[in-house]
């Protein structure tokens, strides 16, 4: 019978195994995520729920990095994952720019609060809120519920390395979206709303419902404007995200640090060169949990 390890035990075993197999430094990251998603489209509900877990190891061998990941938490699979990571590092040759895996920081780490009430969410409680939301939308004259989704996730993760770093966190979130269609006006119009937060207090089912109704009714009265000149326009966040979001995603995928470092982008050989206008900044900071993209004083003009 195969003995499966917990994620914490798998992480501890992997760090010892990496040292035994010759890694000069090693870092392990484990995660356990519980998630649930309830969707309703055309009055047909769909529930997805599950628990995902796995461990990732980053090793240093001959002044380069190698990676390995597995969801099968057995000693045999972890040994194989570590050996693959070490071989991966050796095969790339020495990296003159590599210094070390992260060292412990002298700065205090701010621990994000975790809402324990998220652990009490059930499929029945989500279904109850969903039923009330659909009914409230359909009660508005001329409005019809179209589709929506409610979801939540609780994640426990831990990072440990051979330099003395140990970070453990438990976090969660809940959110959803709803869309509706209105039969008011000459043609049907559609709109939606998205809400989310890290706690039950930050996400309000009733607010999601009211905003969906408000945005759909607002979309019911479009107006036509004719211009014969070039004019500046101001876009709401949803509209600007729709127009520029695709461009930003391409830039993020092509310019983030790990992609540049592995040569997986045309910009890999442009380190140190100017590749964009000075009015544009892209910051990939490993000390924060998100990538920051900013355009300075950008004006979007619409030619009509």
C-alpha atoms as a PDB file:
ATOM      1  CA  UNK A   1       0.000   0.000   0.000  1.00  0.00           C
ATOM      2  CA  UNK A   2       1.358   3.404  -1.014  1.00  0.00           C
ATOM      3  CA  UNK A   3       1.919   5.857   1.842  1.00  0.00           C
ATOM      4  CA  UNK A   4       0.856   9.403   0.954  1.00  0.00           C
ATOM      5  CA  UNK A   5       2.337  12.357   2.831  1.00  0.00           C
ATOM      6  CA  UNK A   6       0.599  15.503   3.962  1.00  0.00           C
ATOM      7  CA  UNK A   7       1.733  18.646   2.130  1.00  0.00           C
ATOM      8  CA  UNK A   8       3.738  19.781   5.168  1.00  0.00           C
ATOM      9  CA  UNK A   9       5.451  16.400   5.493  1.00  0.00           C
ATOM     10  CA  UNK A  10       6.131  16.309   1.750  1.00  0.00           C
ATOM     11  CA  UNK A  11       7.777  19.713   1.965  1.00  0.00           C
ATOM     12  CA  UNK A  12       9.996  18.675   4.887  1.00  0.00           C
ATOM     13  CA  UNK A  13      10.977  15.400   3.205  1.00  0.00           C
ATOM     14  CA  UNK A  14      11.768  17.154  -0.086  1.00  0.00           C
ATOM     15  CA  UNK A  15      14.190  19.621   1.489  1.00  0.00           C
ATOM     16  CA  UNK A  16      16.142  16.766   3.114  1.00  0.00           C
ATOM     17  CA  UNK A  17      16.095  14.705  -0.089  1.00  0.00           C
ATOM     18  CA  UNK A  18      17.438  17.627  -2.163  1.00  0.00           C
ATOM     19  CA  UNK A  19      20.403  18.032   0.162  1.00  0.00           C
ATOM     20  CA  UNK A  20      21.046  14.276   0.040  1.00  0.00           C
ATOM     21  CA  UNK A  21      20.997  14.286  -3.766  1.00  0.00           C
ATOM     22  CA  UNK A  22      23.567  17.108  -3.993  1.00  0.00           C
ATOM     23  CA  UNK A  23      21.575  20.360  -4.253  1.00  0.00           C
ATOM     24  CA  UNK A  24      23.603  23.348  -3.033  1.00  0.00           C
ATOM     25  CA  UNK A  25      20.485  25.237  -2.000  1.00  0.00           C
ATOM     26  CA  UNK A  26      16.834  24.228  -2.046  1.00  0.00           C
ATOM     27  CA  UNK A  27      13.484  25.897  -1.657  1.00  0.00           C
ATOM     28  CA  UNK A  28      10.122  24.191  -1.293  1.00  0.00           C
ATOM     29  CA  UNK A  29       6.611  25.536  -1.684  1.00  0.00           C
ATOM     30  CA  UNK A  30       3.464  23.603  -0.851  1.00  0.00           C
ATOM     31  CA  UNK A  31      -0.174  24.518  -1.315  1.00  0.00           C
ATOM     32  CA  UNK A  32      -3.539  23.109  -0.345  1.00  0.00           C
ATOM     33  CA  UNK A  33      -6.597  24.786  -1.820  1.00  0.00           C
ATOM     34  CA  UNK A  34     -10.270  24.134  -1.163  1.00  0.00           C
ATOM     35  CA  UNK A  35     -12.624  25.671  -3.693  1.00  0.00           C
ATOM     36  CA  UNK A  36     -16.259  25.650  -4.721  1.00  0.00           C
ATOM     37  CA  UNK A  37     -17.999  27.194  -7.730  1.00  0.00           C
ATOM     38  CA  UNK A  38     -21.737  27.361  -8.381  1.00  0.00           C
ATOM     39  CA  UNK A  39     -22.883  28.488 -11.830  1.00  0.00           C
ATOM     40  CA  UNK A  40     -26.386  28.903 -13.195  1.00  0.00           C
ATOM     41  CA  UNK A  41     -27.011  29.443 -16.904  1.00  0.00           C
ATOM     42  CA  UNK A  42     -30.416  29.115 -18.545  1.00  0.00           C
ATOM     43  CA  UNK A  43     -31.742  27.908 -15.178  1.00  0.00           C
ATOM     44  CA  UNK A  44     -29.338  24.951 -15.262  1.00  0.00           C
ATOM     45  CA  UNK A  45     -27.118  24.797 -12.129  1.00  0.00           C
ATOM     46  CA  UNK A  46     -23.585  23.450 -12.152  1.00  0.00           C
ATOM     47  CA  UNK A  47     -21.561  22.810  -9.002  1.00  0.00           C
ATOM     48  CA  UNK A  48     -17.818  22.192  -8.922  1.00  0.00           C
ATOM     49  CA  UNK A  49     -15.954  21.542  -5.685  1.00  0.00           C
ATOM     50  CA  UNK A  50     -12.641  20.023  -4.770  1.00  0.00           C
ATOM     51  CA  UNK A  51      -9.356  20.143  -2.889  1.00  0.00           C
ATOM     52  CA  UNK A  52      -6.079  20.581  -4.759  1.00  0.00           C
ATOM     53  CA  UNK A  53      -2.617  20.131  -3.290  1.00  0.00           C
ATOM     54  CA  UNK A  54       0.962  19.894  -4.501  1.00  0.00           C
ATOM     55  CA  UNK A  55       4.593  20.734  -3.809  1.00  0.00           C
ATOM     56  CA  UNK A  56       7.136  22.644  -5.875  1.00  0.00           C
ATOM     57  CA  UNK A  57      10.899  22.522  -5.396  1.00  0.00           C
ATOM     58  CA  UNK A  58      13.500  24.989  -6.628  1.00  0.00           C
ATOM     59  CA  UNK A  59      17.087  23.786  -6.354  1.00  0.00           C
ATOM     60  CA  UNK A  60      20.511  25.288  -6.988  1.00  0.00           C
ATOM     61  CA  UNK A  61      23.158  23.163  -8.658  1.00  0.00           C
ATOM     62  CA  UNK A  62      26.334  24.424 -10.351  1.00  0.00           C
ATOM     63  CA  UNK A  63      25.216  28.053 -10.063  1.00  0.00           C
ATOM     64  CA  UNK A  64      21.871  27.667 -11.784  1.00  0.00           C
ATOM     65  CA  UNK A  65      18.272  26.931 -10.922  1.00  0.00           C
ATOM     66  CA  UNK A  66      16.147  23.881 -11.589  1.00  0.00           C
ATOM     67  CA  UNK A  67      12.463  23.317 -10.895  1.00  0.00           C
ATOM     68  CA  UNK A  68      10.218  20.382 -10.160  1.00  0.00           C
ATOM     69  CA  UNK A  69       6.549  20.014  -9.236  1.00  0.00           C
ATOM     70  CA  UNK A  70       4.323  17.119  -8.245  1.00  0.00           C
ATOM     71  CA  UNK A  71       0.797  16.521  -7.009  1.00  0.00           C
ATOM     72  CA  UNK A  72       1.564  12.932  -6.026  1.00  0.00           C
ATOM     73  CA  UNK A  73       2.793  13.228  -2.462  1.00  0.00           C
ATOM     74  CA  UNK A  74       4.800  10.035  -2.028  1.00  0.00           C
ATOM     75  CA  UNK A  75       8.484   9.739  -1.157  1.00  0.00           C
ATOM     76  CA  UNK A  76       9.211   8.006  -4.461  1.00  0.00           C
ATOM     77  CA  UNK A  77       7.594  10.767  -6.541  1.00  0.00           C
ATOM     78  CA  UNK A  78       9.254  13.514  -4.513  1.00  0.00           C
ATOM     79  CA  UNK A  79      12.666  11.863  -4.992  1.00  0.00           C
ATOM     80  CA  UNK A  80      12.026  11.767  -8.735  1.00  0.00           C
ATOM     81  CA  UNK A  81      10.898  15.405  -8.762  1.00  0.00           C
ATOM     82  CA  UNK A  82      14.021  16.555  -6.901  1.00  0.00           C
ATOM     83  CA  UNK A  83      16.348  14.607  -9.194  1.00  0.00           C
ATOM     84  CA  UNK A  84      14.644  16.091 -12.251  1.00  0.00           C
ATOM     85  CA  UNK A  85      15.052  19.615 -10.837  1.00  0.00           C
ATOM     86  CA  UNK A  86      18.767  19.039 -10.143  1.00  0.00           C
ATOM     87  CA  UNK A  87      19.337  17.661 -13.642  1.00  0.00           C
ATOM     88  CA  UNK A  88      17.452  20.630 -15.081  1.00  0.00           C
ATOM     89  CA  UNK A  89      19.762  23.058 -13.265  1.00  0.00           C
ATOM     90  CA  UNK A  90      22.933  21.216 -14.367  1.00  0.00           C
ATOM     91  CA  UNK A  91      21.831  21.039 -18.003  1.00  0.00           C
ATOM     92  CA  UNK A  92      21.528  24.838 -18.286  1.00  0.00           C
ATOM     93  CA  UNK A  93      25.152  25.515 -17.337  1.00  0.00           C
ATOM     94  CA  UNK A  94      26.386  28.216 -14.998  1.00  0.00           C
ATOM     95  CA  UNK A  95      24.447  31.464 -14.796  1.00  0.00           C
ATOM     96  CA  UNK A  96      26.877  34.370 -14.152  1.00  0.00           C
ATOM     97  CA  UNK A  97      24.011  36.545 -12.895  1.00  0.00           C
ATOM     98  CA  UNK A  98      22.725  34.099 -10.297  1.00  0.00           C
ATOM     99  CA  UNK A  99      23.640  34.924  -6.701  1.00  0.00           C
ATOM    100  CA  UNK A 100      21.513  32.935  -4.279  1.00  0.00           C
ATOM    101  CA  UNK A 101      18.050  31.856  -3.280  1.00  0.00           C
ATOM    102  CA  UNK A 102      16.311  34.480  -1.111  1.00  0.00           C
ATOM    103  CA  UNK A 103      17.750  35.250   2.299  1.00  0.00           C
ATOM    104  CA  UNK A 104      15.632  36.072   5.361  1.00  0.00           C
ATOM    105  CA  UNK A 105      14.429  39.671   5.389  1.00  0.00           C
ATOM    106  CA  UNK A 106      15.001  42.005   8.317  1.00  0.00           C
ATOM    107  CA  UNK A 107      11.728  43.749   7.536  1.00  0.00           C
ATOM    108  CA  UNK A 108       8.609  42.505   9.327  1.00  0.00           C
ATOM    109  CA  UNK A 109       6.160  40.567   7.191  1.00  0.00           C
ATOM    110  CA  UNK A 110       2.599  41.853   7.278  1.00  0.00           C
ATOM    111  CA  UNK A 111       0.203  38.971   7.746  1.00  0.00           C
ATOM    112  CA  UNK A 112      -3.063  39.357   5.867  1.00  0.00           C
ATOM    113  CA  UNK A 113      -6.189  38.621   7.917  1.00  0.00           C
ATOM    114  CA  UNK A 114      -8.142  35.442   7.242  1.00  0.00           C
ATOM    115  CA  UNK A 115     -11.914  35.315   7.628  1.00  0.00           C
ATOM    116  CA  UNK A 116     -12.684  32.013   9.366  1.00  0.00           C
ATOM    117  CA  UNK A 117     -16.330  32.335   8.305  1.00  0.00           C
ATOM    118  CA  UNK A 118     -15.257  31.365   4.786  1.00  0.00           C
ATOM    119  CA  UNK A 119     -14.704  27.822   6.036  1.00  0.00           C
ATOM    120  CA  UNK A 120     -18.395  27.544   6.929  1.00  0.00           C
ATOM    121  CA  UNK A 121     -19.650  28.163   3.380  1.00  0.00           C
ATOM    122  CA  UNK A 122     -21.563  25.229   1.904  1.00  0.00           C
ATOM    123  CA  UNK A 123     -23.155  24.470  -1.438  1.00  0.00           C
ATOM    124  CA  UNK A 124     -26.564  24.934   0.211  1.00  0.00           C
ATOM    125  CA  UNK A 125     -25.694  28.420   1.437  1.00  0.00           C
ATOM    126  CA  UNK A 126     -24.439  29.441  -2.019  1.00  0.00           C
ATOM    127  CA  UNK A 127     -27.561  27.974  -3.644  1.00  0.00           C
ATOM    128  CA  UNK A 128     -29.809  29.913  -1.250  1.00  0.00           C
ATOM    129  CA  UNK A 129     -28.134  33.233  -2.082  1.00  0.00           C
ATOM    130  CA  UNK A 130     -28.178  32.403  -5.793  1.00  0.00           C
ATOM    131  CA  UNK A 131     -31.920  31.674  -5.737  1.00  0.00           C
ATOM    132  CA  UNK A 132     -32.639  35.012  -4.046  1.00  0.00           C
ATOM    133  CA  UNK A 133     -30.451  36.879  -6.548  1.00  0.00           C
ATOM    134  CA  UNK A 134     -32.168  35.340  -9.583  1.00  0.00           C
ATOM    135  CA  UNK A 135     -35.613  36.016  -8.148  1.00  0.00           C
ATOM    136  CA  UNK A 136     -34.816  39.648  -7.358  1.00  0.00           C
ATOM    137  CA  UNK A 137     -33.517  40.286 -10.879  1.00  0.00           C
ATOM    138  CA  UNK A 138     -36.527  38.639 -12.513  1.00  0.00           C
ATOM    139  CA  UNK A 139     -38.909  40.652 -10.317  1.00  0.00           C
ATOM    140  CA  UNK A 140     -37.821  43.861 -12.071  1.00  0.00           C
ATOM    141  CA  UNK A 141     -40.139  44.651 -14.978  1.00  0.00           C
ATOM    142  CA  UNK A 142     -38.404  44.123 -18.317  1.00  0.00           C
ATOM    143  CA  UNK A 143     -35.376  42.363 -16.787  1.00  0.00           C
ATOM    144  CA  UNK A 144     -34.444  38.711 -17.080  1.00  0.00           C
ATOM    145  CA  UNK A 145     -31.610  36.866 -15.348  1.00  0.00           C
ATOM    146  CA  UNK A 146     -29.138  35.507 -17.916  1.00  0.00           C
ATOM    147  CA  UNK A 147     -26.218  33.790 -16.194  1.00  0.00           C
ATOM    148  CA  UNK A 148     -24.009  34.052 -13.139  1.00  0.00           C
ATOM    149  CA  UNK A 149     -21.528  32.402 -10.834  1.00  0.00           C
ATOM    150  CA  UNK A 150     -20.649  32.384  -7.140  1.00  0.00           C
ATOM    151  CA  UNK A 151     -17.344  30.985  -5.927  1.00  0.00           C
ATOM    152  CA  UNK A 152     -15.058  30.832  -2.931  1.00  0.00           C
ATOM    153  CA  UNK A 153     -11.610  29.488  -2.126  1.00  0.00           C
ATOM    154  CA  UNK A 154      -9.521  28.842   0.979  1.00  0.00           C
ATOM    155  CA  UNK A 155      -5.783  28.387   0.445  1.00  0.00           C
ATOM    156  CA  UNK A 156      -3.092  27.218   2.860  1.00  0.00           C
ATOM    157  CA  UNK A 157       0.471  27.549   1.609  1.00  0.00           C
ATOM    158  CA  UNK A 158       3.993  27.409   2.976  1.00  0.00           C
ATOM    159  CA  UNK A 159       7.447  28.305   1.669  1.00  0.00           C
ATOM    160  CA  UNK A 160      10.681  27.056   3.260  1.00  0.00           C
ATOM    161  CA  UNK A 161      14.255  27.231   2.008  1.00  0.00           C
ATOM    162  CA  UNK A 162      17.694  26.120   3.137  1.00  0.00           C
ATOM    163  CA  UNK A 163      18.722  29.720   3.898  1.00  0.00           C
ATOM    164  CA  UNK A 164      16.353  29.910   6.858  1.00  0.00           C
ATOM    165  CA  UNK A 165      13.172  31.341   5.334  1.00  0.00           C
ATOM    166  CA  UNK A 166       9.883  29.975   6.608  1.00  0.00           C
ATOM    167  CA  UNK A 167       6.608  31.583   5.536  1.00  0.00           C
ATOM    168  CA  UNK A 168       3.191  30.112   6.176  1.00  0.00           C
ATOM    169  CA  UNK A 169      -0.153  31.677   5.307  1.00  0.00           C
ATOM    170  CA  UNK A 170      -3.831  30.924   5.203  1.00  0.00           C
ATOM    171  CA  UNK A 171      -5.967  33.069   2.951  1.00  0.00           C
ATOM    172  CA  UNK A 172      -9.314  33.016   1.225  1.00  0.00           C
ATOM    173  CA  UNK A 173     -11.778  34.894  -0.862  1.00  0.00           C
ATOM    174  CA  UNK A 174     -15.302  34.915  -2.189  1.00  0.00           C
ATOM    175  CA  UNK A 175     -16.841  36.529  -5.223  1.00  0.00           C
ATOM    176  CA  UNK A 176     -19.195  36.233  -8.113  1.00  0.00           C
ATOM    177  CA  UNK A 177     -20.787  37.792 -11.133  1.00  0.00           C
ATOM    178  CA  UNK A 178     -24.288  38.081 -12.479  1.00  0.00           C
ATOM    179  CA  UNK A 179     -25.665  39.208 -15.811  1.00  0.00           C
ATOM    180  CA  UNK A 180     -29.105  40.158 -17.019  1.00  0.00           C
ATOM    181  CA  UNK A 181     -30.846  41.177 -20.214  1.00  0.00           C
ATOM    182  CA  UNK A 182     -33.463  43.868 -20.631  1.00  0.00           C
ATOM    183  CA  UNK A 183     -36.266  43.933 -23.172  1.00  0.00           C
ATOM    184  CA  UNK A 184     -36.790  47.676 -22.791  1.00  0.00           C
ATOM    185  CA  UNK A 185     -35.944  49.853 -25.770  1.00  0.00           C
ATOM    186  CA  UNK A 186     -35.759  48.994 -29.456  1.00  0.00           C
ATOM    187  CA  UNK A 187     -33.312  46.115 -29.001  1.00  0.00           C
ATOM    188  CA  UNK A 188     -32.471  43.858 -26.042  1.00  0.00           C
ATOM    189  CA  UNK A 189     -29.473  45.028 -24.021  1.00  0.00           C
ATOM    190  CA  UNK A 190     -27.166  43.051 -21.784  1.00  0.00           C
ATOM    191  CA  UNK A 191     -24.966  43.984 -18.843  1.00  0.00           C
ATOM    192  CA  UNK A 192     -23.228  42.374 -15.885  1.00  0.00           C
ATOM    193  CA  UNK A 193     -21.531  43.101 -12.559  1.00  0.00           C
ATOM    194  CA  UNK A 194     -18.567  41.468 -10.778  1.00  0.00           C
ATOM    195  CA  UNK A 195     -17.842  41.641  -7.059  1.00  0.00           C
ATOM    196  CA  UNK A 196     -15.365  39.965  -4.754  1.00  0.00           C
ATOM    197  CA  UNK A 197     -13.363  40.235  -1.559  1.00  0.00           C
ATOM    198  CA  UNK A 198     -11.177  38.461   0.986  1.00  0.00           C
ATOM    199  CA  UNK A 199     -13.981  38.108   3.538  1.00  0.00           C
ATOM    200  CA  UNK A 200     -17.732  37.644   3.749  1.00  0.00           C
ATOM    201  CA  UNK A 201     -18.032  41.220   4.974  1.00  0.00           C
ATOM    202  CA  UNK A 202     -16.227  42.482   1.860  1.00  0.00           C
ATOM    203  CA  UNK A 203     -18.549  40.630  -0.511  1.00  0.00           C
ATOM    204  CA  UNK A 204     -22.257  41.339  -0.347  1.00  0.00           C
ATOM    205  CA  UNK A 205     -24.707  39.193  -2.339  1.00  0.00           C
ATOM    206  CA  UNK A 206     -27.384  41.895  -2.231  1.00  0.00           C
ATOM    207  CA  UNK A 207     -24.959  44.521  -3.529  1.00  0.00           C
ATOM    208  CA  UNK A 208     -24.036  42.274  -6.462  1.00  0.00           C
ATOM    209  CA  UNK A 209     -27.730  41.878  -7.285  1.00  0.00           C
ATOM    210  CA  UNK A 210     -28.499  45.607  -7.052  1.00  0.00           C
ATOM    211  CA  UNK A 211     -25.505  46.594  -9.176  1.00  0.00           C
ATOM    212  CA  UNK A 212     -26.450  44.031 -11.840  1.00  0.00           C
ATOM    213  CA  UNK A 213     -29.952  45.469 -12.001  1.00  0.00           C
ATOM    214  CA  UNK A 214     -28.635  49.044 -12.079  1.00  0.00           C
ATOM    215  CA  UNK A 215     -26.121  48.406 -14.877  1.00  0.00           C
ATOM    216  CA  UNK A 216     -28.608  46.488 -17.011  1.00  0.00           C
ATOM    217  CA  UNK A 217     -31.268  49.180 -16.716  1.00  0.00           C
ATOM    218  CA  UNK A 218     -28.638  51.795 -17.558  1.00  0.00           C
ATOM    219  CA  UNK A 219     -27.757  49.838 -20.705  1.00  0.00           C
ATOM    220  CA  UNK A 220     -31.414  49.910 -21.758  1.00  0.00           C
ATOM    221  CA  UNK A 221     -31.244  53.500 -22.926  1.00  0.00           C
ATOM    222  CA  UNK A 222     -28.294  53.857 -25.330  1.00  0.00           C
ATOM    223  CA  UNK A 223     -27.937  57.161 -27.187  1.00  0.00           C
ATOM    224  CA  UNK A 224     -26.346  57.917 -30.526  1.00  0.00           C
ATOM    225  CA  UNK A 225     -23.983  60.881 -30.896  1.00  0.00           C
ATOM    226  CA  UNK A 226     -22.604  62.127 -34.182  1.00  0.00           C
ATOM    227  CA  UNK A 227     -19.268  63.956 -34.356  1.00  0.00           C
ATOM    228  CA  UNK A 228     -17.467  65.442 -37.302  1.00  0.00           C
ATOM    229  CA  UNK A 229     -14.225  66.125 -35.501  1.00  0.00           C
ATOM    230  CA  UNK A 230     -11.585  64.442 -33.352  1.00  0.00           C
ATOM    231  CA  UNK A 231     -12.623  64.457 -29.693  1.00  0.00           C
ATOM    232  CA  UNK A 232     -11.210  62.995 -26.465  1.00  0.00           C
ATOM    233  CA  UNK A 233     -13.363  60.482 -24.569  1.00  0.00           C
ATOM    234  CA  UNK A 234     -13.372  59.235 -20.995  1.00  0.00           C
ATOM    235  CA  UNK A 235     -14.013  55.519 -20.564  1.00  0.00           C
ATOM    236  CA  UNK A 236     -15.356  53.821 -17.472  1.00  0.00           C
ATOM    237  CA  UNK A 237     -13.063  51.144 -15.945  1.00  0.00           C
ATOM    238  CA  UNK A 238     -15.025  48.243 -17.478  1.00  0.00           C
ATOM    239  CA  UNK A 239     -14.809  49.754 -20.959  1.00  0.00           C
ATOM    240  CA  UNK A 240     -11.120  50.644 -20.730  1.00  0.00           C
ATOM    241  CA  UNK A 241     -10.315  47.170 -19.389  1.00  0.00           C
ATOM    242  CA  UNK A 242     -12.110  45.640 -22.344  1.00  0.00           C
ATOM    243  CA  UNK A 243     -10.186  47.749 -24.863  1.00  0.00           C
ATOM    244  CA  UNK A 244      -6.756  47.690 -23.233  1.00  0.00           C
ATOM    245  CA  UNK A 245      -6.884  44.509 -21.158  1.00  0.00           C
ATOM    246  CA  UNK A 246      -5.813  42.276 -24.021  1.00  0.00           C
ATOM    247  CA  UNK A 247      -2.791  44.480 -24.760  1.00  0.00           C
ATOM    248  CA  UNK A 248      -1.780  44.536 -21.100  1.00  0.00           C
ATOM    249  CA  UNK A 249      -2.028  40.747 -20.834  1.00  0.00           C
ATOM    250  CA  UNK A 250       0.254  40.356 -23.853  1.00  0.00           C
ATOM    251  CA  UNK A 251       2.776  42.743 -22.337  1.00  0.00           C
ATOM    252  CA  UNK A 252       2.670  40.982 -18.977  1.00  0.00           C
ATOM    253  CA  UNK A 253       3.217  37.592 -20.599  1.00  0.00           C
ATOM    254  CA  UNK A 254       6.126  38.876 -22.697  1.00  0.00           C
ATOM    255  CA  UNK A 255       7.911  41.107 -20.184  1.00  0.00           C
ATOM    256  CA  UNK A 256       7.666  39.482 -16.763  1.00  0.00           C
ATOM    257  CA  UNK A 257      11.006  38.552 -15.232  1.00  0.00           C
ATOM    258  CA  UNK A 258      10.864  34.758 -15.345  1.00  0.00           C
ATOM    259  CA  UNK A 259       9.891  34.753 -19.041  1.00  0.00           C
ATOM    260  CA  UNK A 260      12.747  37.107 -19.922  1.00  0.00           C
ATOM    261  CA  UNK A 261      15.213  35.053 -17.859  1.00  0.00           C
ATOM    262  CA  UNK A 262      14.373  31.808 -19.668  1.00  0.00           C
ATOM    263  CA  UNK A 263      14.609  33.321 -23.152  1.00  0.00           C
ATOM    264  CA  UNK A 264      10.929  32.689 -23.889  1.00  0.00           C
ATOM    265  CA  UNK A 265      10.269  36.185 -25.274  1.00  0.00           C
ATOM    266  CA  UNK A 266      11.738  38.382 -28.040  1.00  0.00           C
ATOM    267  CA  UNK A 267      12.699  40.845 -25.304  1.00  0.00           C
ATOM    268  CA  UNK A 268      15.137  38.423 -23.629  1.00  0.00           C
ATOM    269  CA  UNK A 269      18.157  39.899 -25.429  1.00  0.00           C
ATOM    270  CA  UNK A 270      17.004  43.481 -24.856  1.00  0.00           C
ATOM    271  CA  UNK A 271      17.932  43.739 -21.179  1.00  0.00           C
ATOM    272  CA  UNK A 272      19.356  47.215 -20.622  1.00  0.00           C
ATOM    273  CA  UNK A 273      17.868  48.633 -23.831  1.00  0.00           C
ATOM    274  CA  UNK A 274      14.900  50.972 -24.158  1.00  0.00           C
ATOM    275  CA  UNK A 275      12.023  49.040 -25.739  1.00  0.00           C
ATOM    276  CA  UNK A 276       9.113  51.455 -25.180  1.00  0.00           C
ATOM    277  CA  UNK A 277       8.269  55.094 -24.766  1.00  0.00           C
ATOM    278  CA  UNK A 278       9.522  56.805 -21.604  1.00  0.00           C
ATOM    279  CA  UNK A 279       5.891  57.436 -20.647  1.00  0.00           C
ATOM    280  CA  UNK A 280       5.348  53.722 -20.035  1.00  0.00           C
ATOM    281  CA  UNK A 281       6.498  51.768 -16.952  1.00  0.00           C
ATOM    282  CA  UNK A 282       6.384  48.029 -16.283  1.00  0.00           C
ATOM    283  CA  UNK A 283       7.519  46.790 -12.848  1.00  0.00           C
ATOM    284  CA  UNK A 284       7.891  43.088 -12.013  1.00  0.00           C
ATOM    285  CA  UNK A 285       8.712  43.093  -8.300  1.00  0.00           C
ATOM    286  CA  UNK A 286       9.210  39.709  -6.668  1.00  0.00           C
ATOM    287  CA  UNK A 287       8.611  41.260  -3.238  1.00  0.00           C
ATOM    288  CA  UNK A 288       4.947  41.837  -3.990  1.00  0.00           C
ATOM    289  CA  UNK A 289       2.211  39.456  -5.100  1.00  0.00           C
ATOM    290  CA  UNK A 290       1.172  41.278  -8.266  1.00  0.00           C
ATOM    291  CA  UNK A 291       2.662  42.817 -11.362  1.00  0.00           C
ATOM    292  CA  UNK A 292       2.258  46.568 -11.689  1.00  0.00           C
ATOM    293  CA  UNK A 293       1.657  48.107 -15.094  1.00  0.00           C
ATOM    294  CA  UNK A 294       1.311  51.837 -15.547  1.00  0.00           C
ATOM    295  CA  UNK A 295       1.004  54.277 -18.417  1.00  0.00           C
ATOM    296  CA  UNK A 296       1.854  57.866 -17.478  1.00  0.00           C
ATOM    297  CA  UNK A 297      -0.623  60.596 -18.433  1.00  0.00           C
ATOM    298  CA  UNK A 298      -2.074  58.496 -21.237  1.00  0.00           C
ATOM    299  CA  UNK A 299      -4.891  60.092 -23.251  1.00  0.00           C
ATOM    300  CA  UNK A 300      -7.074  57.908 -25.450  1.00  0.00           C
ATOM    301  CA  UNK A 301      -8.597  59.788 -28.386  1.00  0.00           C
ATOM    302  CA  UNK A 302     -11.467  58.593 -30.525  1.00  0.00           C
ATOM    303  CA  UNK A 303     -11.636  59.759 -34.134  1.00  0.00           C
ATOM    304  CA  UNK A 304     -15.242  60.041 -35.302  1.00  0.00           C
END
